[in-house]
Amino acid sequence: MQFSVRISDYQKNIMVNMCDAELIGKDVIDGELKIHISESYYGKQIVDKDEATSFLKSASIMNLVGKETISLAIDLGIGSKDGVKVISDIPFLIIFNS
């Protein structure tokens, strides 16, 4: 399992944008809503599960997309299934930790 990740500093917080690597370049469409899962937003860096786990544990803000990515976060106790939004069978989750 591989993850695509981009890490940035946002207002003195570590922000991680991460998705299942195979979702890069895909368009998610639901009626009028269209979301492009871009490499520029979700990152060019491809990491394995151990690296992804480390990034998730260190982040304050997370923008997560994909079944594997969100399952990993929930298994780590980061985020909740209640916060997951599914659009065209693709799960999305945004987490803000203080």
PDB file of N, CA and C in Angstrom:
ATOM      1  N   MET A   1       0.846  -1.162   0.000  1.00  0.00           N
ATOM      2  CA  MET A   1       0.000   0.000   0.000  1.00  0.00           C
ATOM      3  C   MET A   1       0.901   1.236   0.000  1.00  0.00           C
ATOM      4  N   GLN A   2       0.585   2.162  -0.891  1.00  0.00           N
ATOM      5  CA  GLN A   2       1.370   3.389  -1.014  1.00  0.00           C
ATOM      6  C   GLN A   2       0.466   4.610  -0.885  1.00  0.00           C
ATOM      7  N   PHE A   3       1.060   5.678  -0.370  1.00  0.00           N
ATOM      8  CA  PHE A   3       0.344   6.917  -0.121  1.00  0.00           C
ATOM      9  C   PHE A   3       1.090   8.060  -0.783  1.00  0.00           C
ATOM     10  N   SER A   4       0.354   9.009  -1.303  1.00  0.00           N
ATOM     11  CA  SER A   4       0.938  10.229  -1.847  1.00  0.00           C
ATOM     12  C   SER A   4       0.747  11.313  -0.802  1.00  0.00           C
ATOM     13  N   VAL A   5       1.827  12.068  -0.518  1.00  0.00           N
ATOM     14  CA  VAL A   5       1.757  13.014   0.596  1.00  0.00           C
ATOM     15  C   VAL A   5       2.449  14.326   0.257  1.00  0.00           C
ATOM     16  N   ARG A   6       1.880  15.392   0.802  1.00  0.00           N
ATOM     17  CA  ARG A   6       2.498  16.726   0.745  1.00  0.00           C
ATOM     18  C   ARG A   6       2.390  17.313   2.145  1.00  0.00           C
ATOM     19  N   ILE A   7       3.511  17.771   2.651  1.00  0.00           N
ATOM     20  CA  ILE A   7       3.563  18.345   3.991  1.00  0.00           C
ATOM     21  C   ILE A   7       3.895  19.820   3.863  1.00  0.00           C
ATOM     22  N   SER A   8       3.176  20.644   4.607  1.00  0.00           N
ATOM     23  CA  SER A   8       3.446  22.074   4.578  1.00  0.00           C
ATOM     24  C   SER A   8       3.237  22.662   5.969  1.00  0.00           C
ATOM     25  N   ASP A   9       3.725  23.868   6.126  1.00  0.00           N
ATOM     26  CA  ASP A   9       3.544  24.612   7.363  1.00  0.00           C
ATOM     27  C   ASP A   9       2.411  25.603   7.123  1.00  0.00           C
ATOM     28  N   TYR A  10       1.364  25.506   7.912  1.00  0.00           N
ATOM     29  CA  TYR A  10       0.221  26.397   7.763  1.00  0.00           C
ATOM     30  C   TYR A  10      -0.036  27.065   9.107  1.00  0.00           C
ATOM     31  N   GLN A  11       0.245  28.341   9.188  1.00  0.00           N
ATOM     32  CA  GLN A  11       0.031  29.126  10.410  1.00  0.00           C
ATOM     33  C   GLN A  11       0.644  28.433  11.630  1.00  0.00           C
ATOM     34  N   LYS A  12       1.901  28.041  11.487  1.00  0.00           N
ATOM     35  CA  LYS A  12       2.687  27.388  12.551  1.00  0.00           C
ATOM     36  C   LYS A  12       2.168  26.006  12.928  1.00  0.00           C
ATOM     37  N   ASN A  13       1.406  25.388  12.051  1.00  0.00           N
ATOM     38  CA  ASN A  13       0.934  24.024  12.238  1.00  0.00           C
ATOM     39  C   ASN A  13       1.446  23.165  11.090  1.00  0.00           C
ATOM     40  N   ILE A  14       1.696  21.883  11.377  1.00  0.00           N
ATOM     41  CA  ILE A  14       2.073  20.954  10.313  1.00  0.00           C
ATOM     42  C   ILE A  14       0.795  20.478   9.642  1.00  0.00           C
ATOM     43  N   MET A  15       0.706  20.706   8.340  1.00  0.00           N
ATOM     44  CA  MET A  15      -0.451  20.275   7.572  1.00  0.00           C
ATOM     45  C   MET A  15      -0.033  19.147   6.640  1.00  0.00           C
ATOM     46  N   VAL A  16      -0.771  18.050   6.675  1.00  0.00           N
ATOM     47  CA  VAL A  16      -0.504  16.899   5.821  1.00  0.00           C
ATOM     48  C   VAL A  16      -1.694  16.693   4.892  1.00  0.00           C
ATOM     49  N   ASN A  17      -1.426  16.731   3.602  1.00  0.00           N
ATOM     50  CA  ASN A  17      -2.404  16.337   2.588  1.00  0.00           C
ATOM     51  C   ASN A  17      -1.959  14.964   2.120  1.00  0.00           C
ATOM     52  N   MET A  18      -2.833  13.977   2.243  1.00  0.00           N
ATOM     53  CA  MET A  18      -2.441  12.609   1.901  1.00  0.00           C
ATOM     54  C   MET A  18      -3.604  11.882   1.245  1.00  0.00           C
ATOM     55  N   CYS A  19      -3.262  11.052   0.274  1.00  0.00           N
ATOM     56  CA  CYS A  19      -4.283  10.230  -0.376  1.00  0.00           C
ATOM     57  C   CYS A  19      -3.682   8.887  -0.770  1.00  0.00           C
ATOM     58  N   ASP A  20      -4.557   7.940  -1.083  1.00  0.00           N
ATOM     59  CA  ASP A  20      -4.102   6.681  -1.660  1.00  0.00           C
ATOM     60  C   ASP A  20      -3.405   7.023  -2.971  1.00  0.00           C
ATOM     61  N   ALA A  21      -2.203   6.510  -3.177  1.00  0.00           N
ATOM     62  CA  ALA A  21      -1.391   6.900  -4.334  1.00  0.00           C
ATOM     63  C   ALA A  21      -2.106   6.691  -5.664  1.00  0.00           C
ATOM     64  N   GLU A  22      -2.919   5.666  -5.768  1.00  0.00           N
ATOM     65  CA  GLU A  22      -3.582   5.393  -7.054  1.00  0.00           C
ATOM     66  C   GLU A  22      -4.677   6.399  -7.399  1.00  0.00           C
ATOM     67  N   LEU A  23      -5.031   7.262  -6.461  1.00  0.00           N
ATOM     68  CA  LEU A  23      -6.067   8.266  -6.725  1.00  0.00           C
ATOM     69  C   LEU A  23      -5.528   9.534  -7.391  1.00  0.00           C
ATOM     70  N   ILE A  24      -4.211   9.713  -7.399  1.00  0.00           N
ATOM     71  CA  ILE A  24      -3.628  10.921  -8.006  1.00  0.00           C
ATOM     72  C   ILE A  24      -4.049  11.020  -9.473  1.00  0.00           C
ATOM     73  N   GLY A  25      -4.538  12.196  -9.839  1.00  0.00           N
ATOM     74  CA  GLY A  25      -4.966  12.443 -11.214  1.00  0.00           C
ATOM     75  C   GLY A  25      -6.424  12.119 -11.485  1.00  0.00           C
ATOM     76  N   LYS A  26      -7.112  11.529 -10.524  1.00  0.00           N
ATOM     77  CA  LYS A  26      -8.524  11.157 -10.720  1.00  0.00           C
ATOM     78  C   LYS A  26      -9.444  12.346 -10.467  1.00  0.00           C
ATOM     79  N   ASP A  27     -10.578  12.317 -11.164  1.00  0.00           N
ATOM     80  CA  ASP A  27     -11.648  13.285 -10.941  1.00  0.00           C
ATOM     81  C   ASP A  27     -12.789  12.573 -10.223  1.00  0.00           C
ATOM     82  N   VAL A  28     -13.294  13.211  -9.181  1.00  0.00           N
ATOM     83  CA  VAL A  28     -14.432  12.688  -8.440  1.00  0.00           C
ATOM     84  C   VAL A  28     -15.603  13.606  -8.765  1.00  0.00           C
ATOM     85  N   ILE A  29     -16.674  13.024  -9.303  1.00  0.00           N
ATOM     86  CA  ILE A  29     -17.811  13.828  -9.748  1.00  0.00           C
ATOM     87  C   ILE A  29     -19.084  13.313  -9.086  1.00  0.00           C
ATOM     88  N   ASP A  30     -19.829  14.244  -8.525  1.00  0.00           N
ATOM     89  CA  ASP A  30     -21.117  13.934  -7.917  1.00  0.00           C
ATOM     90  C   ASP A  30     -22.054  15.092  -8.230  1.00  0.00           C
ATOM     91  N   GLY A  31     -22.861  14.937  -9.266  1.00  0.00           N
ATOM     92  CA  GLY A  31     -23.748  16.018  -9.695  1.00  0.00           C
ATOM     93  C   GLY A  31     -22.941  17.218 -10.146  1.00  0.00           C
ATOM     94  N   GLU A  32     -23.179  18.363  -9.513  1.00  0.00           N
ATOM     95  CA  GLU A  32     -22.467  19.597  -9.846  1.00  0.00           C
ATOM     96  C   GLU A  32     -21.069  19.660  -9.227  1.00  0.00           C
ATOM     97  N   LEU A  33     -20.806  18.802  -8.253  1.00  0.00           N
ATOM     98  CA  LEU A  33     -19.530  18.806  -7.536  1.00  0.00           C
ATOM     99  C   LEU A  33     -18.477  18.027  -8.320  1.00  0.00           C
ATOM    100  N   LYS A  34     -17.343  18.670  -8.567  1.00  0.00           N
ATOM    101  CA  LYS A  34     -16.228  18.001  -9.232  1.00  0.00           C
ATOM    102  C   LYS A  34     -14.951  18.308  -8.458  1.00  0.00           C
ATOM    103  N   ILE A  35     -14.260  17.262  -8.035  1.00  0.00           N
ATOM    104  CA  ILE A  35     -13.015  17.408  -7.291  1.00  0.00           C
ATOM    105  C   ILE A  35     -11.921  16.687  -8.062  1.00  0.00           C
ATOM    106  N   HIS A  36     -10.825  17.393  -8.318  1.00  0.00           N
ATOM    107  CA  HIS A  36      -9.673  16.784  -8.983  1.00  0.00           C
ATOM    108  C   HIS A  36      -8.634  16.471  -7.910  1.00  0.00           C
ATOM    109  N   ILE A  37      -8.235  15.230  -7.807  1.00  0.00           N
ATOM    110  CA  ILE A  37      -7.226  14.815  -6.831  1.00  0.00           C
ATOM    111  C   ILE A  37      -5.862  14.997  -7.493  1.00  0.00           C
ATOM    112  N   SER A  38      -5.278  16.151  -7.252  1.00  0.00           N
ATOM    113  CA  SER A  38      -4.074  16.544  -7.998  1.00  0.00           C
ATOM    114  C   SER A  38      -2.783  16.251  -7.245  1.00  0.00           C
ATOM    115  N   GLU A  39      -1.759  15.988  -8.017  1.00  0.00           N
ATOM    116  CA  GLU A  39      -0.425  15.776  -7.476  1.00  0.00           C
ATOM    117  C   GLU A  39       0.089  17.047  -6.796  1.00  0.00           C
ATOM    118  N   SER A  40      -0.277  18.211  -7.340  1.00  0.00           N
ATOM    119  CA  SER A  40       0.199  19.467  -6.753  1.00  0.00           C
ATOM    120  C   SER A  40      -0.378  19.699  -5.352  1.00  0.00           C
ATOM    121  N   TYR A  41      -1.560  19.176  -5.078  1.00  0.00           N
ATOM    122  CA  TYR A  41      -2.169  19.359  -3.756  1.00  0.00           C
ATOM    123  C   TYR A  41      -1.847  18.203  -2.808  1.00  0.00           C
ATOM    124  N   TYR A  42      -1.944  16.985  -3.304  1.00  0.00           N
ATOM    125  CA  TYR A  42      -1.739  15.810  -2.448  1.00  0.00           C
ATOM    126  C   TYR A  42      -0.313  15.287  -2.463  1.00  0.00           C
ATOM    127  N   GLY A  43       0.540  15.850  -3.301  1.00  0.00           N
ATOM    128  CA  GLY A  43       1.954  15.555  -3.209  1.00  0.00           C
ATOM    129  C   GLY A  43       2.516  14.611  -4.233  1.00  0.00           C
ATOM    130  N   LYS A  44       3.786  14.813  -4.467  1.00  0.00           N
ATOM    131  CA  LYS A  44       4.554  13.967  -5.377  1.00  0.00           C
ATOM    132  C   LYS A  44       5.303  12.888  -4.613  1.00  0.00           C
ATOM    133  N   GLN A  45       5.411  13.064  -3.297  1.00  0.00           N
ATOM    134  CA  GLN A  45       6.166  12.121  -2.483  1.00  0.00           C
ATOM    135  C   GLN A  45       5.326  10.875  -2.220  1.00  0.00           C
ATOM    136  N   ILE A  46       5.821   9.725  -2.664  1.00  0.00           N
ATOM    137  CA  ILE A  46       5.139   8.454  -2.432  1.00  0.00           C
ATOM    138  C   ILE A  46       5.813   7.782  -1.242  1.00  0.00           C
ATOM    139  N   VAL A  47       4.993   7.411  -0.247  1.00  0.00           N
ATOM    140  CA  VAL A  47       5.526   6.816   0.974  1.00  0.00           C
ATOM    141  C   VAL A  47       4.814   5.500   1.284  1.00  0.00           C
ATOM    142  N   ASP A  48       5.466   4.688   2.120  1.00  0.00           N
ATOM    143  CA  ASP A  48       4.849   3.439   2.556  1.00  0.00           C
ATOM    144  C   ASP A  48       4.045   3.677   3.843  1.00  0.00           C
ATOM    145  N   LYS A  49       3.485   2.619   4.369  1.00  0.00           N
ATOM    146  CA  LYS A  49       2.605   2.732   5.532  1.00  0.00           C
ATOM    147  C   LYS A  49       3.342   3.292   6.750  1.00  0.00           C
ATOM    148  N   ASP A  50       4.573   2.879   6.985  1.00  0.00           N
ATOM    149  CA  ASP A  50       5.322   3.362   8.149  1.00  0.00           C
ATOM    150  C   ASP A  50       5.566   4.864   8.081  1.00  0.00           C
ATOM    151  N   GLU A  51       5.982   5.352   6.916  1.00  0.00           N
ATOM    152  CA  GLU A  51       6.198   6.794   6.754  1.00  0.00           C
ATOM    153  C   GLU A  51       4.881   7.555   6.873  1.00  0.00           C
ATOM    154  N   ALA A  52       3.833   7.023   6.268  1.00  0.00           N
ATOM    155  CA  ALA A  52       2.515   7.661   6.344  1.00  0.00           C
ATOM    156  C   ALA A  52       2.064   7.767   7.799  1.00  0.00           C
ATOM    157  N   THR A  53       2.276   6.713   8.562  1.00  0.00           N
ATOM    158  CA  THR A  53       1.915   6.711   9.978  1.00  0.00           C
ATOM    159  C   THR A  53       2.650   7.816  10.725  1.00  0.00           C
ATOM    160  N   SER A  54       3.928   7.946  10.472  1.00  0.00           N
ATOM    161  CA  SER A  54       4.740   8.988  11.115  1.00  0.00           C
ATOM    162  C   SER A  54       4.221  10.384  10.778  1.00  0.00           C
ATOM    163  N   PHE A  55       3.912  10.614   9.507  1.00  0.00           N
ATOM    164  CA  PHE A  55       3.399  11.923   9.086  1.00  0.00           C
ATOM    165  C   PHE A  55       2.060  12.226   9.759  1.00  0.00           C
ATOM    166  N   LEU A  56       1.168  11.247   9.813  1.00  0.00           N
ATOM    167  CA  LEU A  56      -0.143  11.463  10.429  1.00  0.00           C
ATOM    168  C   LEU A  56      -0.018  11.775  11.916  1.00  0.00           C
ATOM    169  N   LYS A  57       0.893  11.096  12.595  1.00  0.00           N
ATOM    170  CA  LYS A  57       1.072  11.318  14.032  1.00  0.00           C
ATOM    171  C   LYS A  57       1.650  12.698  14.338  1.00  0.00           C
ATOM    172  N   SER A  58       2.374  13.281  13.391  1.00  0.00           N
ATOM    173  CA  SER A  58       3.020  14.569  13.644  1.00  0.00           C
ATOM    174  C   SER A  58       2.181  15.770  13.200  1.00  0.00           C
ATOM    175  N   ALA A  59       1.083  15.528  12.506  1.00  0.00           N
ATOM    176  CA  ALA A  59       0.312  16.616  11.900  1.00  0.00           C
ATOM    177  C   ALA A  59      -0.727  17.208  12.850  1.00  0.00           C
ATOM    178  N   SER A  60      -0.984  18.499  12.644  1.00  0.00           N
ATOM    179  CA  SER A  60      -2.066  19.186  13.355  1.00  0.00           C
ATOM    180  C   SER A  60      -3.308  19.294  12.472  1.00  0.00           C
ATOM    181  N   ILE A  61      -3.071  19.418  11.163  1.00  0.00           N
ATOM    182  CA  ILE A  61      -4.161  19.546  10.192  1.00  0.00           C
ATOM    183  C   ILE A  61      -3.949  18.479   9.123  1.00  0.00           C
ATOM    184  N   MET A  62      -5.005  17.723   8.810  1.00  0.00           N
ATOM    185  CA  MET A  62      -4.908  16.659   7.815  1.00  0.00           C
ATOM    186  C   MET A  62      -6.065  16.724   6.833  1.00  0.00           C
ATOM    187  N   ASN A  63      -5.741  16.614   5.572  1.00  0.00           N
ATOM    188  CA  ASN A  63      -6.725  16.537   4.505  1.00  0.00           C
ATOM    189  C   ASN A  63      -6.486  15.185   3.850  1.00  0.00           C
ATOM    190  N   LEU A  64      -7.371  14.229   4.100  1.00  0.00           N
ATOM    191  CA  LEU A  64      -7.151  12.842   3.715  1.00  0.00           C
ATOM    192  C   LEU A  64      -8.193  12.364   2.713  1.00  0.00           C
ATOM    193  N   VAL A  65      -7.723  11.584   1.727  1.00  0.00           N
ATOM    194  CA  VAL A  65      -8.616  11.043   0.708  1.00  0.00           C
ATOM    195  C   VAL A  65      -8.233   9.589   0.415  1.00  0.00           C
ATOM    196  N   GLY A  66      -9.238   8.743   0.343  1.00  0.00           N
ATOM    197  CA  GLY A  66      -9.018   7.355  -0.050  1.00  0.00           C
ATOM    198  C   GLY A  66      -9.244   6.381   1.091  1.00  0.00           C
ATOM    199  N   LYS A  67      -9.671   5.192   0.725  1.00  0.00           N
ATOM    200  CA  LYS A  67     -10.021   4.171   1.714  1.00  0.00           C
ATOM    201  C   LYS A  67      -8.839   3.775   2.586  1.00  0.00           C
ATOM    202  N   GLU A  68      -7.681   3.533   1.979  1.00  0.00           N
ATOM    203  CA  GLU A  68      -6.511   3.104   2.748  1.00  0.00           C
ATOM    204  C   GLU A  68      -6.001   4.215   3.665  1.00  0.00           C
ATOM    205  N   THR A  69      -5.940   5.431   3.150  1.00  0.00           N
ATOM    206  CA  THR A  69      -5.448   6.571   3.929  1.00  0.00           C
ATOM    207  C   THR A  69      -6.332   6.817   5.146  1.00  0.00           C
ATOM    208  N   ILE A  70      -7.623   6.836   4.934  1.00  0.00           N
ATOM    209  CA  ILE A  70      -8.554   7.117   6.032  1.00  0.00           C
ATOM    210  C   ILE A  70      -8.617   5.946   7.006  1.00  0.00           C
ATOM    211  N   SER A  71      -8.544   4.722   6.518  1.00  0.00           N
ATOM    212  CA  SER A  71      -8.503   3.562   7.418  1.00  0.00           C
ATOM    213  C   SER A  71      -7.286   3.620   8.319  1.00  0.00           C
ATOM    214  N   LEU A  72      -6.138   4.010   7.765  1.00  0.00           N
ATOM    215  CA  LEU A  72      -4.919   4.128   8.552  1.00  0.00           C
ATOM    216  C   LEU A  72      -5.100   5.170   9.654  1.00  0.00           C
ATOM    217  N   ALA A  73      -5.633   6.337   9.309  1.00  0.00           N
ATOM    218  CA  ALA A  73      -5.835   7.397  10.296  1.00  0.00           C
ATOM    219  C   ALA A  73      -6.791   6.943  11.405  1.00  0.00           C
ATOM    220  N   ILE A  74      -7.879   6.311  11.044  1.00  0.00           N
ATOM    221  CA  ILE A  74      -8.858   5.859  12.042  1.00  0.00           C
ATOM    222  C   ILE A  74      -8.260   4.762  12.918  1.00  0.00           C
ATOM    223  N   ASP A  75      -7.492   3.839  12.316  1.00  0.00           N
ATOM    224  CA  ASP A  75      -6.833   2.788  13.094  1.00  0.00           C
ATOM    225  C   ASP A  75      -5.844   3.366  14.105  1.00  0.00           C
ATOM    226  N   LEU A  76      -5.246   4.514  13.770  1.00  0.00           N
ATOM    227  CA  LEU A  76      -4.302   5.180  14.677  1.00  0.00           C
ATOM    228  C   LEU A  76      -5.017   6.013  15.740  1.00  0.00           C
ATOM    229  N   GLY A  77      -6.351   6.081  15.661  1.00  0.00           N
ATOM    230  CA  GLY A  77      -7.114   6.883  16.612  1.00  0.00           C
ATOM    231  C   GLY A  77      -7.150   8.359  16.245  1.00  0.00           C
ATOM    232  N   ILE A  78      -6.792   8.649  14.996  1.00  0.00           N
ATOM    233  CA  ILE A  78      -6.802  10.020  14.495  1.00  0.00           C
ATOM    234  C   ILE A  78      -8.064  10.168  13.649  1.00  0.00           C
ATOM    235  N   GLY A  79      -8.965  10.992  14.058  1.00  0.00           N
ATOM    236  CA  GLY A  79     -10.210  11.154  13.302  1.00  0.00           C
ATOM    237  C   GLY A  79     -11.222  10.089  13.659  1.00  0.00           C
ATOM    238  N   SER A  80     -12.368  10.207  13.045  1.00  0.00           N
ATOM    239  CA  SER A  80     -13.484   9.323  13.345  1.00  0.00           C
ATOM    240  C   SER A  80     -14.257   9.009  12.070  1.00  0.00           C
ATOM    241  N   LYS A  81     -14.848   7.828  12.041  1.00  0.00           N
ATOM    242  CA  LYS A  81     -15.676   7.448  10.892  1.00  0.00           C
ATOM    243  C   LYS A  81     -16.837   8.420  10.703  1.00  0.00           C
ATOM    244  N   ASP A  82     -17.287   9.031  11.795  1.00  0.00           N
ATOM    245  CA  ASP A  82     -18.406   9.975  11.720  1.00  0.00           C
ATOM    246  C   ASP A  82     -18.076  11.199  10.880  1.00  0.00           C
ATOM    247  N   GLY A  83     -16.787  11.544  10.764  1.00  0.00           N
ATOM    248  CA  GLY A  83     -16.380  12.727  10.004  1.00  0.00           C
ATOM    249  C   GLY A  83     -16.123  12.465   8.535  1.00  0.00           C
ATOM    250  N   VAL A  84     -16.220  11.209   8.118  1.00  0.00           N
ATOM    251  CA  VAL A  84     -15.912  10.847   6.732  1.00  0.00           C
ATOM    252  C   VAL A  84     -17.070  11.204   5.817  1.00  0.00           C
ATOM    253  N   LYS A  85     -16.759  11.871   4.720  1.00  0.00           N
ATOM    254  CA  LYS A  85     -17.732  12.199   3.673  1.00  0.00           C
ATOM    255  C   LYS A  85     -17.371  11.355   2.454  1.00  0.00           C
ATOM    256  N   VAL A  86     -18.323  10.627   1.910  1.00  0.00           N
ATOM    257  CA  VAL A  86     -18.071   9.783   0.741  1.00  0.00           C
ATOM    258  C   VAL A  86     -18.689  10.438  -0.482  1.00  0.00           C
ATOM    259  N   ILE A  87     -17.870  10.659  -1.487  1.00  0.00           N
ATOM    260  CA  ILE A  87     -18.322  11.256  -2.743  1.00  0.00           C
ATOM    261  C   ILE A  87     -17.929  10.305  -3.862  1.00  0.00           C
ATOM    262  N   SER A  88     -18.918   9.798  -4.580  1.00  0.00           N
ATOM    263  CA  SER A  88     -18.689   8.829  -5.669  1.00  0.00           C
ATOM    264  C   SER A  88     -17.783   7.688  -5.222  1.00  0.00           C
ATOM    265  N   ASP A  89     -18.087   7.116  -4.072  1.00  0.00           N
ATOM    266  CA  ASP A  89     -17.391   5.962  -3.503  1.00  0.00           C
ATOM    267  C   ASP A  89     -15.961   6.262  -3.037  1.00  0.00           C
ATOM    268  N   ILE A  90     -15.563   7.542  -2.998  1.00  0.00           N
ATOM    269  CA  ILE A  90     -14.237   7.932  -2.519  1.00  0.00           C
ATOM    270  C   ILE A  90     -14.423   8.660  -1.179  1.00  0.00           C
ATOM    271  N   PRO A  91     -13.820   8.158  -0.096  1.00  0.00           N
ATOM    272  CA  PRO A  91     -13.968   8.829   1.197  1.00  0.00           C
ATOM    273  C   PRO A  91     -13.012  10.016   1.355  1.00  0.00           C
ATOM    274  N   PHE A  92     -13.495  11.060   2.008  1.00  0.00           N
ATOM    275  CA  PHE A  92     -12.743  12.279   2.310  1.00  0.00           C
ATOM    276  C   PHE A  92     -12.856  12.544   3.803  1.00  0.00           C
ATOM    277  N   LEU A  93     -11.777  13.031   4.413  1.00  0.00           N
ATOM    278  CA  LEU A  93     -11.786  13.352   5.832  1.00  0.00           C
ATOM    279  C   LEU A  93     -10.819  14.507   6.085  1.00  0.00           C
ATOM    280  N   ILE A  94     -11.300  15.517   6.780  1.00  0.00           N
ATOM    281  CA  ILE A  94     -10.458  16.647   7.198  1.00  0.00           C
ATOM    282  C   ILE A  94     -10.416  16.637   8.720  1.00  0.00           C
ATOM    283  N   ILE A  95      -9.199  16.762   9.260  1.00  0.00           N
ATOM    284  CA  ILE A  95      -9.007  16.702  10.704  1.00  0.00           C
ATOM    285  C   ILE A  95      -8.210  17.929  11.153  1.00  0.00           C
ATOM    286  N   PHE A  96      -8.694  18.551  12.219  1.00  0.00           N
ATOM    287  CA  PHE A  96      -7.977  19.660  12.862  1.00  0.00           C
ATOM    288  C   PHE A  96      -7.708  19.232  14.306  1.00  0.00           C
ATOM    289  N   ASN A  97      -6.444  19.080  14.663  1.00  0.00           N
ATOM    290  CA  ASN A  97      -6.065  18.764  16.045  1.00  0.00           C
ATOM    291  C   ASN A  97      -5.468  20.004  16.679  1.00  0.00           C
ATOM    292  N   SER A  98      -5.805  20.231  17.948  1.00  0.00           N
ATOM    293  CA  SER A  98      -5.220  21.385  18.615  1.00  0.00           C
ATOM    294  C   SER A  98      -4.049  20.975  19.476  1.00  0.00           C
TER     295      SER A  98
END
